Amino acid sequence: MANGTKLEKAYLALVAPPNPADRPPPLSSVLGQAGSGGEGEVVFMFNPKEFSISKAAQWQRRDQAGAQRATMPEFTGSQPGTLQLEVFLDKSEEADPSVAADVQRLLDTVTPLQSTLPNHGSPPWVVFGWGQFMSFVAVVKQVNARYTMFQSDGTPIRATCTLTLEEVPTDPPPRQNPTSGALAASRSHRMVDGDSLQSVAQREYGDVSRWRDLAAANGIDDPMRVMPGTELLIPDPSMIDEG
């Protein structure tokens, strides 16, 4: 570590989840609850040696009779990101050496909270943070705790915990086109045989009437003459609602 550089400690902070009926909260409001060292926060004694992040997407290909080549893949959805890390807890040199409370705090992250909806448990939200580099908002899918050292009376004083986190949606700041300042469309779709603005609107937004929004966003005057191969910009629903 360079002289004068502060050693940042990684942490896992519990944050209040939004009402399930609300839209995803702004990322800034979630991060504002984390990193304060409160009761719902576990500051790691030792920073992780490593952690891994994985992300997957769903792609669909439409079968075409007689086609000699595979059709172009069509994006149909994004899977939540997954983060896995290992936490090392060691209190063997402290006056109160038990790590049981810290392990229990981690185990509590998979216990559902009381929900505002009947018969639905709301999972606690967490933020895995580490300096300015990492702020991962998630629910905890799994915690595995392995105790590796004990006092003579059986008190655990050292443990290794493996956590699996699954990201939850937040609203990031709107992206800007660097040249025009206009909001950028989130993705695109290449029209194929059988597609129409109505079918794309139903698939993307769950609302066939939003074909008009697609037509307006793409400067289409005659929606009945959109040819296969046309590249459509698919605006984010919030961009349409706010526009």
Foldseek 3Di string as FASTA:
>chain_A
DDPPDDAWWKKKAWFAADAPVDDFAAPVVRCVRPDPPDPLMDTAPDHFPDKDKDWDFDWDWDDDPPDPDTHDTWTQGIFWMKMKTKGKAAQPPPPPQACVVVLVSVVCQQPFDDHPDPPDGHGTWMWTDTPPPGTAIFGWPDKDKDQDDADPVRGGRIIMIMTMTTGDDHDYPFDADVPPRDGAFPDKGFADPPDFLQVVCCSPPVHSVCSVVQCVVVVNPDRVPDDGRDITRHHDPVVVVVD
